[in-house]
Amino acid sequence: MKKQLFYLSIGALALTLAAGCKNEAPTSTAAPKAQSQAETPAPPTSQAKSGTVVETMNAAGYTYVQVDTGSEKIWAAAPEFQVKVGDSVAVPEGMPMPNYHSKTLNRDFDMVYFVPAVMVGGGEGMAAPVATPGELPSGHPPITPVKAENIDLSGIAKAEGGKSIEEIYAGKGELTSKEVTVRGKVVKFSPGIMGKNWIHMQDGTGGEGTNDLTVTTGVTAQVGDTILVSGILTADKDFGHGYKYALIIEDGKVTVE
């Protein structure tokens, strides 16, 4: 499960990094100057992917890996880490840099996904970090946290006999290891990670740290769907490496309403 949780954690990861470095400044070999000046919107973030390393190299404090996902080959780069060809890795959501030129490697890439970290090995995934990891080396392209789309959370009725997300957090001491039922909307959906779908749900209650509940399930849902969830609540699920979930429902029964 470390790989799955790693995916989901990056969506909540708060990193503010400055771009521009004399060694590895991100440059585009294809974008004309006039076009780059007009393109004010930030590029979209990538989707989490996993696969096998088929090529790797280090340069200027980064490790570059080419990953075969089974359906495509992608390049990703993160602060230098130990990895070798043949390793299984998980690449979280990150910042895509098309037509990227590495000055140190003197090499052009059609696309590189710059990410805060890459999970190596076939272990289980990791959850949202409770401590901020070290900053990326200078020169890394800016990475912004993945944010949920704007979703109207007003008017969500509490499940009959169930709890609101805020109430679940408030009562986690007595609700842990018990079945809970909750209704909310999907604010993030990550399908097919280690055989499970991962849902972040909210219902408009709670504040920062108490307004989002994670559910694993075999059911497919879309961002914005209203869902009814039942399952056993687990609190303070610690997956090591400083990563844990305050609350999670694993293998939840999910009904899309």
Protein backbone atom coordinates (compact mmCIF):
# COMPACT_ATOMS: atom_id res chain seq x y z
CA MET A 1 0.00 0.00 0.00
CA LYS A 2 2.97 2.41 0.19
CA LYS A 3 2.77 3.11 -3.51
CA GLN A 4 -0.94 3.92 -3.47
CA LEU A 5 -0.78 6.22 -0.51
CA PHE A 6 2.24 7.93 -1.99
CA TYR A 7 0.09 8.87 -4.97
CA LEU A 8 -2.64 10.27 -2.86
CA SER A 9 -0.30 12.16 -0.56
CA ILE A 10 1.26 14.22 -3.26
CA GLY A 11 -2.12 15.74 -4.04
CA ALA A 12 -2.03 17.29 -0.55
CA LEU A 13 1.65 18.11 -0.53
CA ALA A 14 2.26 21.83 0.00
CA LEU A 15 5.48 22.83 -1.82
CA THR A 16 6.40 26.35 -2.92
CA LEU A 17 9.57 26.16 -4.97
CA ALA A 18 11.39 28.79 -6.98
CA ALA A 19 12.38 28.12 -10.55
CA GLY A 20 15.57 29.02 -12.33
CA CYS A 21 19.08 27.66 -11.84
CA LYS A 22 22.24 28.10 -13.84
CA ASN A 23 22.73 24.33 -14.16
CA GLU A 24 19.24 22.98 -14.83
CA ALA A 25 16.98 25.88 -15.74
CA PRO A 26 13.91 24.48 -17.51
CA THR A 27 13.93 25.58 -21.13
CA SER A 28 11.73 24.67 -24.07
CA THR A 29 13.37 23.85 -27.37
CA ALA A 30 10.15 24.17 -29.32
CA ALA A 31 8.01 26.99 -27.90
CA PRO A 32 8.44 30.31 -29.77
CA LYS A 33 9.02 33.41 -27.67
CA ALA A 34 5.76 35.05 -28.64
CA GLN A 35 3.84 31.92 -27.72
CA SER A 36 5.54 31.56 -24.34
CA GLN A 37 4.65 35.17 -23.47
CA ALA A 38 1.02 34.54 -24.34
CA GLU A 39 0.74 31.30 -22.40
CA THR A 40 0.01 32.71 -18.99
CA PRO A 41 -1.94 29.73 -17.54
CA ALA A 42 0.20 27.23 -15.64
CA PRO A 43 0.55 23.83 -17.31
CA PRO A 44 -1.66 21.08 -15.93
CA THR A 45 -0.29 18.58 -13.49
CA SER A 46 0.35 14.99 -14.52
CA GLN A 47 -1.53 11.94 -13.36
CA ALA A 48 0.06 9.46 -10.97
CA LYS A 49 1.72 6.54 -12.75
CA SER A 50 3.66 3.40 -11.88
CA GLY A 51 5.86 0.99 -13.80
CA THR A 52 9.37 -0.32 -14.31
CA VAL A 53 12.55 1.72 -14.76
CA VAL A 54 14.14 1.14 -18.17
CA GLU A 55 16.72 3.95 -18.05
CA THR A 56 18.10 6.22 -15.34
CA MET A 57 20.76 8.87 -14.84
CA ASN A 58 21.79 11.54 -12.33
CA ALA A 59 22.44 15.19 -13.13
CA ALA A 60 22.76 18.37 -11.05
CA GLY A 61 21.11 16.94 -7.96
CA TYR A 62 18.34 15.13 -9.82
CA THR A 63 17.66 11.54 -10.73
CA TYR A 64 15.97 11.04 -14.09
CA VAL A 65 14.06 7.82 -14.70
CA GLN A 66 12.37 6.52 -17.80
CA VAL A 67 9.43 4.43 -16.65
CA ASP A 68 7.59 1.82 -18.70
CA THR A 69 4.00 1.84 -17.41
CA GLY A 70 2.94 -0.99 -19.71
CA SER A 71 1.05 1.37 -22.00
CA GLU A 72 3.64 4.10 -22.47
CA LYS A 73 7.13 5.23 -21.49
CA ILE A 74 7.52 8.45 -19.53
CA TRP A 75 10.41 10.43 -18.10
CA ALA A 76 10.29 11.72 -14.53
CA ALA A 77 12.83 13.65 -12.46
CA ALA A 78 13.09 14.11 -8.69
CA PRO A 79 15.76 15.08 -6.14
CA GLU A 80 18.55 12.52 -6.37
CA PHE A 81 17.59 9.07 -5.08
CA GLN A 82 18.80 5.48 -5.34
CA VAL A 83 17.25 3.49 -8.19
CA LYS A 84 18.33 1.06 -10.89
CA VAL A 85 17.03 -0.34 -14.16
CA GLY A 86 14.37 -2.96 -13.43
CA ASP A 87 13.12 -1.35 -10.22
CA SER A 88 9.39 -0.88 -9.75
CA VAL A 89 8.57 2.76 -9.06
CA ALA A 90 5.60 5.00 -8.38
CA VAL A 91 5.63 8.46 -9.93
CA PRO A 92 3.21 10.87 -8.25
CA GLU A 93 1.38 13.77 -9.80
CA GLY A 94 3.78 16.51 -10.81
CA MET A 95 4.59 19.32 -13.19
CA PRO A 96 4.92 18.34 -16.86
CA MET A 97 7.70 20.14 -18.73
CA PRO A 98 7.33 19.65 -22.50
CA ASN A 99 10.31 20.06 -24.84
CA TYR A 100 12.67 20.12 -21.89
CA HIS A 101 16.42 20.63 -22.38
CA SER A 102 18.83 19.54 -19.65
CA LYS A 103 21.97 21.63 -19.84
CA THR A 104 23.90 19.24 -17.60
CA LEU A 105 23.02 16.20 -19.68
CA ASN A 106 22.99 18.16 -22.94
CA ARG A 107 19.89 16.20 -23.80
CA ASP A 108 16.42 17.07 -25.02
CA PHE A 109 13.30 15.39 -23.67
CA ASP A 110 9.89 15.52 -25.33
CA MET A 111 8.39 15.58 -21.84
CA VAL A 112 9.70 15.29 -18.29
CA TYR A 113 7.44 15.15 -15.22
CA PHE A 114 9.12 16.95 -12.31
CA VAL A 115 7.95 15.54 -8.98
CA PRO A 116 8.91 16.00 -5.31
CA ALA A 117 9.89 12.34 -4.91
CA VAL A 118 9.64 8.90 -6.53
CA MET A 119 8.68 5.80 -4.53
CA VAL A 120 11.01 2.89 -5.29
CA GLY A 121 10.04 -0.74 -4.70
CA GLY A 122 6.92 -2.81 -4.72
CA GLY A 123 5.75 -1.96 -1.22
CA GLU A 124 2.42 -0.55 -0.26
CA GLY A 125 1.57 3.09 -0.85
CA MET A 126 2.03 6.02 1.45
CA ALA A 127 -0.47 8.53 2.74
CA ALA A 128 -0.35 12.27 3.13
CA PRO A 129 2.87 13.34 4.83
CA VAL A 130 2.71 14.63 8.35
CA ALA A 131 6.03 16.40 7.92
CA THR A 132 7.17 18.51 5.01
CA PRO A 133 9.93 16.83 3.07
CA GLY A 134 13.12 18.67 2.24
CA GLU A 135 13.04 21.22 -0.52
CA LEU A 136 13.97 20.23 -4.03
CA PRO A 137 17.36 21.34 -5.34
CA SER A 138 17.51 24.84 -6.81
CA GLY A 139 16.63 24.91 -10.48
CA HIS A 140 13.74 22.50 -10.23
CA PRO A 141 10.69 23.77 -12.12
CA PRO A 142 8.00 25.13 -9.81
CA ILE A 143 5.56 22.54 -8.48
CA THR A 144 2.12 23.50 -7.25
CA PRO A 145 -0.05 21.25 -5.13
CA VAL A 146 -2.81 19.46 -6.94
CA LYS A 147 -6.09 21.09 -5.99
CA ALA A 148 -9.57 19.64 -6.20
CA GLU A 149 -11.83 21.13 -8.81
CA ASN A 150 -14.38 23.66 -7.62
CA ILE A 151 -17.23 21.53 -6.34
CA ASP A 152 -20.45 22.74 -4.77
CA LEU A 153 -20.60 21.10 -1.35
CA SER A 154 -23.73 22.91 -0.22
CA GLY A 155 -26.94 21.08 0.57
CA ILE A 156 -25.44 17.62 1.08
CA ALA A 157 -27.82 15.71 3.34
CA LYS A 158 -26.32 13.60 6.11
CA ALA A 159 -26.77 9.87 5.55
CA GLU A 160 -29.67 8.35 7.45
CA GLY A 161 -28.18 6.96 10.65
CA GLY A 162 -24.79 8.21 9.52
CA LYS A 163 -22.30 10.91 10.36
CA SER A 164 -20.92 14.00 8.72
CA ILE A 165 -17.20 14.04 8.01
CA GLU A 166 -16.68 16.61 10.74
CA GLU A 167 -18.54 14.37 13.21
CA ILE A 168 -16.42 11.39 12.21
CA TYR A 169 -13.24 13.32 12.97
CA ALA A 170 -14.67 14.64 16.23
CA GLY A 171 -15.72 11.16 17.33
CA LYS A 172 -12.83 9.17 15.93
CA GLY A 173 -11.94 7.85 19.38
CA GLU A 174 -15.22 5.97 19.70
CA LEU A 175 -15.73 5.32 15.99
CA THR A 176 -12.37 3.74 15.24
CA SER A 177 -12.68 0.09 14.15
CA LYS A 178 -16.43 0.52 13.79
CA GLU A 179 -18.56 0.79 10.68
CA VAL A 180 -19.53 4.30 9.72
CA THR A 181 -21.80 5.66 7.02
CA VAL A 182 -21.24 9.03 5.40
CA ARG A 183 -22.50 10.94 2.37
CA GLY A 184 -20.39 13.43 0.43
CA LYS A 185 -18.99 14.40 -2.92
CA VAL A 186 -15.93 13.06 -4.67
CA VAL A 187 -13.25 15.76 -4.78
CA LYS A 188 -10.52 13.48 -6.10
CA PHE A 189 -10.55 10.05 -7.71
CA SER A 190 -7.44 7.94 -8.42
CA PRO A 191 -8.35 4.69 -10.19
CA GLY A 192 -6.58 1.36 -10.43
CA ILE A 193 -3.77 1.88 -7.95
CA MET A 194 -2.66 -1.56 -6.81
CA GLY A 195 -6.07 -2.97 -7.64
CA LYS A 196 -8.10 -0.35 -5.80
CA ASN A 197 -9.74 2.98 -6.51
CA TRP A 198 -8.92 5.83 -4.14
CA ILE A 199 -11.48 8.51 -3.30
CA HIS A 200 -11.16 11.76 -1.41
CA MET A 201 -14.62 12.89 -0.32
CA GLN A 202 -15.96 16.01 1.37
CA ASP A 203 -19.41 17.08 2.53
CA GLY A 204 -18.91 20.76 3.34
CA THR A 205 -18.38 20.18 7.05
CA GLY A 206 -15.19 20.51 9.04
CA GLY A 207 -12.16 22.71 8.58
CA GLU A 208 -8.62 22.17 7.43
CA GLY A 209 -7.56 18.69 8.50
CA THR A 210 -11.10 17.59 9.37
CA ASN A 211 -13.00 18.09 6.12
CA ASP A 212 -11.63 15.34 3.87
CA LEU A 213 -12.06 11.59 4.19
CA THR A 214 -10.18 8.99 2.13
CA VAL A 215 -11.87 5.79 0.96
CA THR A 216 -10.52 2.81 -0.96
CA THR A 217 -13.01 0.82 -2.99
CA GLY A 218 -13.58 -1.22 -6.11
CA VAL A 219 -16.33 1.15 -7.26
CA THR A 220 -15.68 3.73 -9.96
CA ALA A 221 -16.80 7.31 -9.40
CA GLN A 222 -16.25 10.69 -10.97
CA VAL A 223 -15.13 13.95 -9.41
CA GLY A 224 -18.31 15.78 -8.40
CA ASP A 225 -20.37 12.61 -7.85
CA THR A 226 -22.42 12.38 -4.68
CA ILE A 227 -21.62 9.10 -2.97
CA LEU A 228 -22.86 7.14 0.02
CA VAL A 229 -20.05 5.28 1.78
CA SER A 230 -20.11 2.60 4.48
CA GLY A 231 -17.10 0.85 5.93
CA ILE A 232 -14.82 0.26 8.87
CA LEU A 233 -13.05 3.39 10.03
CA THR A 234 -9.33 3.21 10.72
CA ALA A 235 -7.61 6.02 12.61
CA ASP A 236 -3.96 7.07 12.62
CA LYS A 237 -3.01 4.56 9.95
CA ASP A 238 0.79 4.76 9.94
CA PHE A 239 2.60 3.47 6.87
CA GLY A 240 6.08 4.49 7.99
CA HIS A 241 8.47 7.03 6.48
CA GLY A 242 6.61 9.79 8.33
CA TYR A 243 3.41 9.16 6.37
CA LYS A 244 0.04 8.40 7.87
CA TYR A 245 -3.68 8.98 7.52
CA ALA A 246 -5.61 10.46 10.39
CA LEU A 247 -8.70 8.63 9.10
CA ILE A 248 -9.30 6.19 6.27
CA ILE A 249 -12.02 3.74 5.22
CA GLU A 250 -10.47 0.79 3.42
CA ASP A 251 -12.50 -1.40 1.06
CA GLY A 252 -15.54 0.77 1.60
CA LYS A 253 -18.97 0.06 0.15
CA VAL A 254 -19.62 2.98 -2.19
CA THR A 255 -22.91 3.86 -3.88
CA VAL A 256 -22.95 6.61 -6.49
CA GLU A 257 -26.21 8.48 -6.08
